[in-house]
Full PDB file with SEQRES, HELIX, SHEET, SSBOND, CRYST1, ORIGX, SCALE, CONECT and MASTER records, all heavy atoms in Angstrom:
SEQRES   1 A   33  GLN ASN PRO ALA THR GLN PRO TYR GLN THR VAL LEU VAL          
SEQRES   2 A   33  PRO VAL ASP PHE THR GLU ASP SER GLN ARG ALA LEU MET          
SEQRES   3 A   33  LEU HIS ARG MET GLN CYS CYS                                  
HELIX    1 AA1 GLU A   19  CYS A   32  1                                  14    
CRYST1    1.000    1.000    1.000  90.00  90.00  90.00 P 1           1          
ORIGX1      1.000000  0.000000  0.000000        0.00000                         
ORIGX2      0.000000  1.000000  0.000000        0.00000                         
ORIGX3      0.000000  0.000000  1.000000        0.00000                         
SCALE1      1.000000  0.000000  0.000000        0.00000                         
SCALE2      0.000000  1.000000  0.000000        0.00000                         
SCALE3      0.000000  0.000000  1.000000        0.00000                         
ATOM      1  N   GLN A   1       8.275  -1.353  11.666  1.00  0.00           N  
ATOM      2  CA  GLN A   1       8.968  -0.595  12.701  1.00  0.00           C  
ATOM      3  C   GLN A   1       8.388  -0.839  14.093  1.00  0.00           C  
ATOM      4  O   GLN A   1       9.127  -0.934  15.050  1.00  0.00           O  
ATOM      5  CB  GLN A   1       8.891   0.905  12.407  1.00  0.00           C  
ATOM      6  CG  GLN A   1       9.690   1.309  11.203  1.00  0.00           C  
ATOM      7  CD  GLN A   1       9.677   2.808  11.004  1.00  0.00           C  
ATOM      8  OE1 GLN A   1       8.661   3.466  11.175  1.00  0.00           O  
ATOM      9  NE2 GLN A   1      10.820   3.353  10.648  1.00  0.00           N  
ATOM     10  N   ASN A   2       7.082  -0.903  14.174  1.00  0.00           N  
ATOM     11  CA  ASN A   2       6.424  -0.956  15.474  1.00  0.00           C  
ATOM     12  C   ASN A   2       5.858  -2.347  15.766  1.00  0.00           C  
ATOM     13  O   ASN A   2       5.619  -3.126  14.850  1.00  0.00           O  
ATOM     14  CB  ASN A   2       5.288   0.073  15.509  1.00  0.00           C  
ATOM     15  CG  ASN A   2       5.815   1.474  15.324  1.00  0.00           C  
ATOM     16  OD1 ASN A   2       6.820   1.847  15.912  1.00  0.00           O  
ATOM     17  ND2 ASN A   2       5.160   2.250  14.492  1.00  0.00           N  
ATOM     18  N   PRO A   3       5.605  -2.635  17.044  1.00  0.00           N  
ATOM     19  CA  PRO A   3       4.981  -3.912  17.397  1.00  0.00           C  
ATOM     20  C   PRO A   3       3.618  -4.058  16.719  1.00  0.00           C  
ATOM     21  O   PRO A   3       2.894  -3.078  16.531  1.00  0.00           O  
ATOM     22  CB  PRO A   3       4.822  -3.830  18.919  1.00  0.00           C  
ATOM     23  CG  PRO A   3       5.811  -2.806  19.360  1.00  0.00           C  
ATOM     24  CD  PRO A   3       5.926  -1.826  18.232  1.00  0.00           C  
ATOM     25  N   ALA A   4       3.277  -5.276  16.358  1.00  0.00           N  
ATOM     26  CA  ALA A   4       2.000  -5.561  15.691  1.00  0.00           C  
ATOM     27  C   ALA A   4       0.941  -5.828  16.751  1.00  0.00           C  
ATOM     28  O   ALA A   4       0.843  -6.919  17.274  1.00  0.00           O  
ATOM     29  CB  ALA A   4       2.153  -6.757  14.771  1.00  0.00           C  
ATOM     30  N   THR A   5       0.164  -4.811  17.077  1.00  0.00           N  
ATOM     31  CA  THR A   5      -0.862  -4.969  18.098  1.00  0.00           C  
ATOM     32  C   THR A   5      -2.236  -5.211  17.504  1.00  0.00           C  
ATOM     33  O   THR A   5      -3.107  -5.750  18.166  1.00  0.00           O  
ATOM     34  CB  THR A   5      -0.914  -3.725  19.008  1.00  0.00           C  
ATOM     35  OG1 THR A   5      -1.150  -2.577  18.188  1.00  0.00           O  
ATOM     36  CG2 THR A   5       0.395  -3.557  19.772  1.00  0.00           C  
ATOM     37  N   GLN A   6      -2.430  -4.766  16.249  1.00  0.00           N  
ATOM     38  CA  GLN A   6      -3.700  -4.953  15.560  1.00  0.00           C  
ATOM     39  C   GLN A   6      -3.444  -4.892  14.058  1.00  0.00           C  
ATOM     40  O   GLN A   6      -2.411  -4.412  13.629  1.00  0.00           O  
ATOM     41  CB  GLN A   6      -4.711  -3.888  15.968  1.00  0.00           C  
ATOM     42  CG  GLN A   6      -4.289  -2.473  15.589  1.00  0.00           C  
ATOM     43  CD  GLN A   6      -5.285  -1.440  16.081  1.00  0.00           C  
ATOM     44  OE1 GLN A   6      -6.219  -1.739  16.793  1.00  0.00           O  
ATOM     45  NE2 GLN A   6      -5.101  -0.203  15.669  1.00  0.00           N  
ATOM     46  N   PRO A   7      -4.401  -5.363  13.256  1.00  0.00           N  
ATOM     47  CA  PRO A   7      -4.224  -5.284  11.799  1.00  0.00           C  
ATOM     48  C   PRO A   7      -4.107  -3.830  11.346  1.00  0.00           C  
ATOM     49  O   PRO A   7      -4.614  -2.919  12.004  1.00  0.00           O  
ATOM     50  CB  PRO A   7      -5.502  -5.914  11.250  1.00  0.00           C  
ATOM     51  CG  PRO A   7      -6.023  -6.763  12.352  1.00  0.00           C  
ATOM     52  CD  PRO A   7      -5.618  -6.068  13.624  1.00  0.00           C  
ATOM     53  N   TYR A   8      -3.424  -3.628  10.228  1.00  0.00           N  
ATOM     54  CA  TYR A   8      -3.345  -2.282   9.657  1.00  0.00           C  
ATOM     55  C   TYR A   8      -4.742  -1.805   9.299  1.00  0.00           C  
ATOM     56  O   TYR A   8      -5.559  -2.553   8.772  1.00  0.00           O  
ATOM     57  CB  TYR A   8      -2.478  -2.265   8.403  1.00  0.00           C  
ATOM     58  CG  TYR A   8      -1.002  -2.393   8.670  1.00  0.00           C  
ATOM     59  CD1 TYR A   8      -0.236  -3.310   7.968  1.00  0.00           C  
ATOM     60  CD2 TYR A   8      -0.361  -1.580   9.596  1.00  0.00           C  
ATOM     61  CE1 TYR A   8       1.133  -3.417   8.189  1.00  0.00           C  
ATOM     62  CE2 TYR A   8       0.992  -1.690   9.840  1.00  0.00           C  
ATOM     63  CZ  TYR A   8       1.738  -2.601   9.127  1.00  0.00           C  
ATOM     64  OH  TYR A   8       3.085  -2.718   9.340  1.00  0.00           O  
ATOM     65  N   GLN A   9      -5.019  -0.534   9.569  1.00  0.00           N  
ATOM     66  CA  GLN A   9      -6.303   0.070   9.238  1.00  0.00           C  
ATOM     67  C   GLN A   9      -6.187   0.963   8.010  1.00  0.00           C  
ATOM     68  O   GLN A   9      -7.154   1.187   7.301  1.00  0.00           O  
ATOM     69  CB  GLN A   9      -6.826   0.895  10.422  1.00  0.00           C  
ATOM     70  CG  GLN A   9      -7.029   0.074  11.674  1.00  0.00           C  
ATOM     71  CD  GLN A   9      -8.041  -1.039  11.478  1.00  0.00           C  
ATOM     72  OE1 GLN A   9      -9.104  -0.843  10.926  1.00  0.00           O  
ATOM     73  NE2 GLN A   9      -7.684  -2.241  11.904  1.00  0.00           N  
ATOM     74  N   THR A  10      -5.018   1.519   7.782  1.00  0.00           N  
ATOM     75  CA  THR A  10      -4.790   2.458   6.696  1.00  0.00           C  
ATOM     76  C   THR A  10      -3.514   2.071   5.968  1.00  0.00           C  
ATOM     77  O   THR A  10      -2.536   1.690   6.601  1.00  0.00           O  
ATOM     78  CB  THR A  10      -4.638   3.895   7.246  1.00  0.00           C  
ATOM     79  OG1 THR A  10      -5.792   4.194   8.036  1.00  0.00           O  
ATOM     80  CG2 THR A  10      -4.506   4.910   6.128  1.00  0.00           C  
ATOM     81  N   VAL A  11      -3.533   2.197   4.660  1.00  0.00           N  
ATOM     82  CA  VAL A  11      -2.367   1.912   3.850  1.00  0.00           C  
ATOM     83  C   VAL A  11      -2.005   3.165   3.071  1.00  0.00           C  
ATOM     84  O   VAL A  11      -2.865   3.771   2.431  1.00  0.00           O  
ATOM     85  CB  VAL A  11      -2.625   0.752   2.863  1.00  0.00           C  
ATOM     86  CG1 VAL A  11      -1.436   0.518   1.962  1.00  0.00           C  
ATOM     87  CG2 VAL A  11      -2.992  -0.508   3.626  1.00  0.00           C  
ATOM     88  N   LEU A  12      -0.757   3.566   3.138  1.00  0.00           N  
ATOM     89  CA  LEU A  12      -0.260   4.711   2.389  1.00  0.00           C  
ATOM     90  C   LEU A  12       0.525   4.178   1.205  1.00  0.00           C  
ATOM     91  O   LEU A  12       1.472   3.402   1.384  1.00  0.00           O  
ATOM     92  CB  LEU A  12       0.635   5.585   3.271  1.00  0.00           C  
ATOM     93  CG  LEU A  12       1.345   6.734   2.575  1.00  0.00           C  
ATOM     94  CD1 LEU A  12       0.315   7.752   2.077  1.00  0.00           C  
ATOM     95  CD2 LEU A  12       2.327   7.394   3.529  1.00  0.00           C  
ATOM     96  N   VAL A  13       0.128   4.562   0.007  1.00  0.00           N  
ATOM     97  CA  VAL A  13       0.847   4.149  -1.196  1.00  0.00           C  
ATOM     98  C   VAL A  13       1.480   5.403  -1.794  1.00  0.00           C  
ATOM     99  O   VAL A  13       0.778   6.243  -2.371  1.00  0.00           O  
ATOM    100  CB  VAL A  13      -0.103   3.477  -2.223  1.00  0.00           C  
ATOM    101  CG1 VAL A  13       0.682   3.039  -3.447  1.00  0.00           C  
ATOM    102  CG2 VAL A  13      -0.833   2.305  -1.590  1.00  0.00           C  
ATOM    103  N   PRO A  14       2.791   5.569  -1.637  1.00  0.00           N  
ATOM    104  CA  PRO A  14       3.449   6.749  -2.219  1.00  0.00           C  
ATOM    105  C   PRO A  14       3.408   6.675  -3.744  1.00  0.00           C  
ATOM    106  O   PRO A  14       3.566   5.607  -4.320  1.00  0.00           O  
ATOM    107  CB  PRO A  14       4.888   6.662  -1.718  1.00  0.00           C  
ATOM    108  CG  PRO A  14       4.976   5.453  -0.882  1.00  0.00           C  
ATOM    109  CD  PRO A  14       3.706   4.703  -0.957  1.00  0.00           C  
ATOM    110  N   VAL A  15       3.174   7.805  -4.365  1.00  0.00           N  
ATOM    111  CA  VAL A  15       3.059   7.839  -5.819  1.00  0.00           C  
ATOM    112  C   VAL A  15       3.971   8.930  -6.368  1.00  0.00           C  
ATOM    113  O   VAL A  15       3.913  10.078  -5.936  1.00  0.00           O  
ATOM    114  CB  VAL A  15       1.595   8.122  -6.239  1.00  0.00           C  
ATOM    115  CG1 VAL A  15       1.468   8.243  -7.745  1.00  0.00           C  
ATOM    116  CG2 VAL A  15       0.686   7.036  -5.703  1.00  0.00           C  
ATOM    117  N   ASP A  16       4.827   8.545  -7.307  1.00  0.00           N  
ATOM    118  CA  ASP A  16       5.662   9.521  -8.004  1.00  0.00           C  
ATOM    119  C   ASP A  16       5.437   9.446  -9.517  1.00  0.00           C  
ATOM    120  O   ASP A  16       6.223   9.943 -10.298  1.00  0.00           O  
ATOM    121  CB  ASP A  16       7.136   9.340  -7.656  1.00  0.00           C  
ATOM    122  CG  ASP A  16       7.675   7.989  -8.087  1.00  0.00           C  
ATOM    123  OD1 ASP A  16       6.923   7.201  -8.690  1.00  0.00           O  
ATOM    124  OD2 ASP A  16       8.856   7.721  -7.824  1.00  0.00           O  
ATOM    125  N   PHE A  17       4.354   8.771  -9.923  1.00  0.00           N  
ATOM    126  CA  PHE A  17       3.921   8.647 -11.307  1.00  0.00           C  
ATOM    127  C   PHE A  17       4.864   7.821 -12.181  1.00  0.00           C  
ATOM    128  O   PHE A  17       4.848   7.942 -13.395  1.00  0.00           O  
ATOM    129  CB  PHE A  17       3.665  10.033 -11.926  1.00  0.00           C  
ATOM    130  CG  PHE A  17       2.658  10.820 -11.125  1.00  0.00           C  
ATOM    131  CD1 PHE A  17       3.071  11.850 -10.305  1.00  0.00           C  
ATOM    132  CD2 PHE A  17       1.313  10.487 -11.143  1.00  0.00           C  
ATOM    133  CE1 PHE A  17       2.165  12.553  -9.536  1.00  0.00           C  
ATOM    134  CE2 PHE A  17       0.397  11.183 -10.383  1.00  0.00           C  
ATOM    135  CZ  PHE A  17       0.822  12.213  -9.575  1.00  0.00           C  
ATOM    136  N   THR A  18       5.671   6.973 -11.569  1.00  0.00           N  
ATOM    137  CA  THR A  18       6.511   6.044 -12.319  1.00  0.00           C  
ATOM    138  C   THR A  18       5.764   4.722 -12.455  1.00  0.00           C  
ATOM    139  O   THR A  18       4.724   4.509 -11.825  1.00  0.00           O  
ATOM    140  CB  THR A  18       7.850   5.785 -11.600  1.00  0.00           C  
ATOM    141  OG1 THR A  18       7.568   5.177 -10.333  1.00  0.00           O  
ATOM    142  CG2 THR A  18       8.637   7.072 -11.411  1.00  0.00           C  
ATOM    143  N   GLU A  19       6.312   3.817 -13.264  1.00  0.00           N  
ATOM    144  CA  GLU A  19       5.701   2.498 -13.414  1.00  0.00           C  
ATOM    145  C   GLU A  19       5.694   1.738 -12.094  1.00  0.00           C  
ATOM    146  O   GLU A  19       4.740   1.023 -11.796  1.00  0.00           O  
ATOM    147  CB  GLU A  19       6.444   1.691 -14.484  1.00  0.00           C  
ATOM    148  CG  GLU A  19       6.147   2.140 -15.899  1.00  0.00           C  
ATOM    149  CD  GLU A  19       6.824   1.250 -16.928  1.00  0.00           C  
ATOM    150  OE1 GLU A  19       6.901   0.032 -16.707  1.00  0.00           O  
ATOM    151  OE2 GLU A  19       7.266   1.795 -17.952  1.00  0.00           O  
ATOM    152  N   ASP A  20       6.757   1.884 -11.302  1.00  0.00           N  
ATOM    153  CA  ASP A  20       6.817   1.188 -10.013  1.00  0.00           C  
ATOM    154  C   ASP A  20       5.696   1.645  -9.085  1.00  0.00           C  
ATOM    155  O   ASP A  20       5.062   0.827  -8.418  1.00  0.00           O  
ATOM    156  CB  ASP A  20       8.178   1.401  -9.335  1.00  0.00           C  
ATOM    157  CG  ASP A  20       9.282   0.629 -10.020  1.00  0.00           C  
ATOM    158  OD1 ASP A  20       8.982  -0.380 -10.701  1.00  0.00           O  
ATOM    159  OD2 ASP A  20      10.445   1.028  -9.857  1.00  0.00           O  
ATOM    160  N   SER A  21       5.433   2.950  -9.043  1.00  0.00           N  
ATOM    161  CA  SER A  21       4.360   3.409  -8.156  1.00  0.00           C  
ATOM    162  C   SER A  21       2.996   2.986  -8.697  1.00  0.00           C  
ATOM    163  O   SER A  21       2.083   2.694  -7.926  1.00  0.00           O  
ATOM    164  CB  SER A  21       4.424   4.922  -7.938  1.00  0.00           C  
ATOM    165  OG  SER A  21       4.135   5.634  -9.115  1.00  0.00           O  
ATOM    166  N   GLN A  22       2.855   2.899 -10.003  1.00  0.00           N  
ATOM    167  CA  GLN A  22       1.608   2.408 -10.579  1.00  0.00           C  
ATOM    168  C   GLN A  22       1.383   0.945 -10.188  1.00  0.00           C  
ATOM    169  O   GLN A  22       0.278   0.556  -9.814  1.00  0.00           O  
ATOM    170  CB  GLN A  22       1.614   2.553 -12.096  1.00  0.00           C  
ATOM    171  CG  GLN A  22       0.310   2.111 -12.733  1.00  0.00           C  
ATOM    172  CD  GLN A  22       0.329   2.264 -14.239  1.00  0.00           C  
ATOM    173  OE1 GLN A  22       1.298   2.722 -14.826  1.00  0.00           O  
ATOM    174  NE2 GLN A  22      -0.761   1.873 -14.871  1.00  0.00           N  
ATOM    175  N   ARG A  23       2.444   0.129 -10.236  1.00  0.00           N  
ATOM    176  CA  ARG A  23       2.320  -1.275  -9.829  1.00  0.00           C  
ATOM    177  C   ARG A  23       1.967  -1.374  -8.349  1.00  0.00           C  
ATOM    178  O   ARG A  23       1.158  -2.209  -7.950  1.00  0.00           O  
ATOM    179  CB  ARG A  23       3.618  -2.028 -10.124  1.00  0.00           C  
ATOM    180  CG  ARG A  23       3.760  -2.423 -11.580  1.00  0.00           C  
ATOM    181  CD  ARG A  23       4.853  -3.458 -11.777  1.00  0.00           C  
ATOM    182  NE  ARG A  23       6.166  -3.019 -11.356  1.00  0.00           N  
ATOM    183  CZ  ARG A  23       7.049  -2.397 -12.136  1.00  0.00           C  
ATOM    184  NH1 ARG A  23       6.771  -2.160 -13.388  1.00  0.00           N  
ATOM    185  NH2 ARG A  23       8.225  -2.046 -11.657  1.00  0.00           N  
ATOM    186  N   ALA A  24       2.584  -0.538  -7.527  1.00  0.00           N  
ATOM    187  CA  ALA A  24       2.284  -0.553  -6.086  1.00  0.00           C  
ATOM    188  C   ALA A  24       0.821  -0.205  -5.842  1.00  0.00           C  
ATOM    189  O   ALA A  24       0.146  -0.837  -5.022  1.00  0.00           O  
ATOM    190  CB  ALA A  24       3.194   0.421  -5.345  1.00  0.00           C  
ATOM    191  N   LEU A  25       0.330   0.771  -6.556  1.00  0.00           N  
ATOM    192  CA  LEU A  25      -1.062   1.176  -6.407  1.00  0.00           C  
ATOM    193  C   LEU A  25      -2.008   0.071  -6.867  1.00  0.00           C  
ATOM    194  O   LEU A  25      -3.011  -0.226  -6.213  1.00  0.00           O  
ATOM    195  CB  LEU A  25      -1.307   2.457  -7.204  1.00  0.00           C  
ATOM    196  CG  LEU A  25      -2.578   3.224  -6.925  1.00  0.00           C  
ATOM    197  CD1 LEU A  25      -2.674   3.605  -5.456  1.00  0.00           C  
ATOM    198  CD2 LEU A  25      -2.644   4.463  -7.795  1.00  0.00           C  
ATOM    199  N   MET A  26      -1.681  -0.580  -7.979  1.00  0.00           N  
ATOM    200  CA  MET A  26      -2.517  -1.679  -8.475  1.00  0.00           C  
ATOM    201  C   MET A  26      -2.507  -2.853  -7.494  1.00  0.00           C  
ATOM    202  O   MET A  26      -3.543  -3.460  -7.237  1.00  0.00           O  
ATOM    203  CB  MET A  26      -2.041  -2.117  -9.859  1.00  0.00           C  
ATOM    204  CG  MET A  26      -2.358  -1.098 -10.943  1.00  0.00           C  
ATOM    205  SD  MET A  26      -1.629  -1.513 -12.539  1.00  0.00           S  
ATOM    206  CE  MET A  26      -2.341  -3.106 -12.855  1.00  0.00           C  
ATOM    207  N   LEU A  27      -1.332  -3.166  -6.957  1.00  0.00           N  
ATOM    208  CA  LEU A  27      -1.244  -4.257  -5.984  1.00  0.00           C  
ATOM    209  C   LEU A  27      -2.077  -3.936  -4.753  1.00  0.00           C  
ATOM    210  O   LEU A  27      -2.829  -4.772  -4.260  1.00  0.00           O  
ATOM    211  CB  LEU A  27       0.209  -4.512  -5.585  1.00  0.00           C  
ATOM    212  CG  LEU A  27       0.417  -5.587  -4.525  1.00  0.00           C  
ATOM    213  CD1 LEU A  27      -0.048  -6.945  -5.049  1.00  0.00           C  
ATOM    214  CD2 LEU A  27       1.881  -5.652  -4.128  1.00  0.00           C  
ATOM    215  N   HIS A  28      -1.980  -2.714  -4.279  1.00  0.00           N  
ATOM    216  CA  HIS A  28      -2.783  -2.310  -3.123  1.00  0.00           C  
ATOM    217  C   HIS A  28      -4.268  -2.449  -3.436  1.00  0.00           C  
ATOM    218  O   HIS A  28      -5.038  -2.984  -2.638  1.00  0.00           O  
ATOM    219  CB  HIS A  28      -2.466  -0.873  -2.720  1.00  0.00           C  
ATOM    220  CG  HIS A  28      -3.549  -0.271  -1.891  1.00  0.00           C  
ATOM    221  ND1 HIS A  28      -3.815  -0.698  -0.611  1.00  0.00           N  
ATOM    222  CD2 HIS A  28      -4.477   0.667  -2.174  1.00  0.00           C  
ATOM    223  CE1 HIS A  28      -4.842  -0.031  -0.137  1.00  0.00           C  
ATOM    224  NE2 HIS A  28      -5.261   0.794  -1.062  1.00  0.00           N  
ATOM    225  N   ARG A  29      -4.678  -1.978  -4.599  1.00  0.00           N  
ATOM    226  CA  ARG A  29      -6.094  -2.037  -4.959  1.00  0.00           C  
ATOM    227  C   ARG A  29      -6.582  -3.485  -4.992  1.00  0.00           C  
ATOM    228  O   ARG A  29      -7.627  -3.811  -4.455  1.00  0.00           O  
ATOM    229  CB  ARG A  29      -6.339  -1.363  -6.297  1.00  0.00           C  
ATOM    230  CG  ARG A  29      -7.822  -1.232  -6.593  1.00  0.00           C  
ATOM    231  CD  ARG A  29      -8.072  -0.456  -7.829  1.00  0.00           C  
ATOM    232  NE  ARG A  29      -7.917  -1.365  -8.954  1.00  0.00           N  
ATOM    233  CZ  ARG A  29      -7.886  -0.985 -10.213  1.00  0.00           C  
ATOM    234  NH1 ARG A  29      -7.952   0.287 -10.512  1.00  0.00           N  
ATOM    235  NH2 ARG A  29      -7.765  -1.861 -11.173  1.00  0.00           N  
ATOM    236  N   MET A  30      -5.791  -4.370  -5.598  1.00  0.00           N  
ATOM    237  CA  MET A  30      -6.196  -5.775  -5.660  1.00  0.00           C  
ATOM    238  C   MET A  30      -6.225  -6.396  -4.271  1.00  0.00           C  
ATOM    239  O   MET A  30      -7.128  -7.136  -3.937  1.00  0.00           O  
ATOM    240  CB  MET A  30      -5.241  -6.565  -6.562  1.00  0.00           C  
ATOM    241  CG  MET A  30      -5.442  -6.228  -8.013  1.00  0.00           C  
ATOM    242  SD  MET A  30      -4.437  -7.169  -9.161  1.00  0.00           S  
ATOM    243  CE  MET A  30      -3.084  -7.739  -8.247  1.00  0.00           C  
ATOM    244  N   GLN A  31      -5.236  -6.072  -3.454  1.00  0.00           N  
ATOM    245  CA  GLN A  31      -5.148  -6.674  -2.129  1.00  0.00           C  
ATOM    246  C   GLN A  31      -6.261  -6.162  -1.224  1.00  0.00           C  
ATOM    247  O   GLN A  31      -6.882  -6.926  -0.525  1.00  0.00           O  
ATOM    248  CB  GLN A  31      -3.769  -6.369  -1.531  1.00  0.00           C  
ATOM    249  CG  GLN A  31      -3.193  -7.437  -0.688  1.00  0.00           C  
ATOM    250  CD  GLN A  31      -3.225  -8.824  -1.303  1.00  0.00           C  
ATOM    251  OE1 GLN A  31      -2.623  -9.116  -2.328  1.00  0.00           O  
ATOM    252  NE2 GLN A  31      -3.923  -9.707  -0.650  1.00  0.00           N  
ATOM    253  N   CYS A  32      -6.522  -4.868  -1.239  1.00  0.00           N  
ATOM    254  CA  CYS A  32      -7.552  -4.354  -0.327  1.00  0.00           C  
ATOM    255  C   CYS A  32      -8.936  -4.783  -0.786  1.00  0.00           C  
ATOM    256  O   CYS A  32      -9.799  -5.050   0.032  1.00  0.00           O  
ATOM    257  CB  CYS A  32      -7.458  -2.843  -0.148  1.00  0.00           C  
ATOM    258  SG  CYS A  32      -8.199  -1.848  -1.451  1.00  0.00           S  
ATOM    259  N   CYS A  33      -9.157  -4.886  -2.069  1.00  0.00           N  
ATOM    260  CA  CYS A  33     -10.465  -5.350  -2.548  1.00  0.00           C  
ATOM    261  C   CYS A  33     -10.655  -6.825  -2.222  1.00  0.00           C  
ATOM    262  O   CYS A  33     -11.756  -7.251  -1.908  1.00  0.00           O  
ATOM    263  CB  CYS A  33     -10.597  -5.128  -4.048  1.00  0.00           C  
ATOM    264  SG  CYS A  33     -10.657  -3.375  -4.483  1.00  0.00           S  
TER     265      CYS A  33                                                      
MASTER        0    0    0    1    0    0    0    6  264    1    0    3          
END                                                                             
């Protein structure tokens, strides 16, 4: 949505306890690590 002025500092991973949100959380964990 906004101009990219700096790298992201915080990532919000919405969770509704479905398999899709679990995959999103796992992907985030692997990517941030």
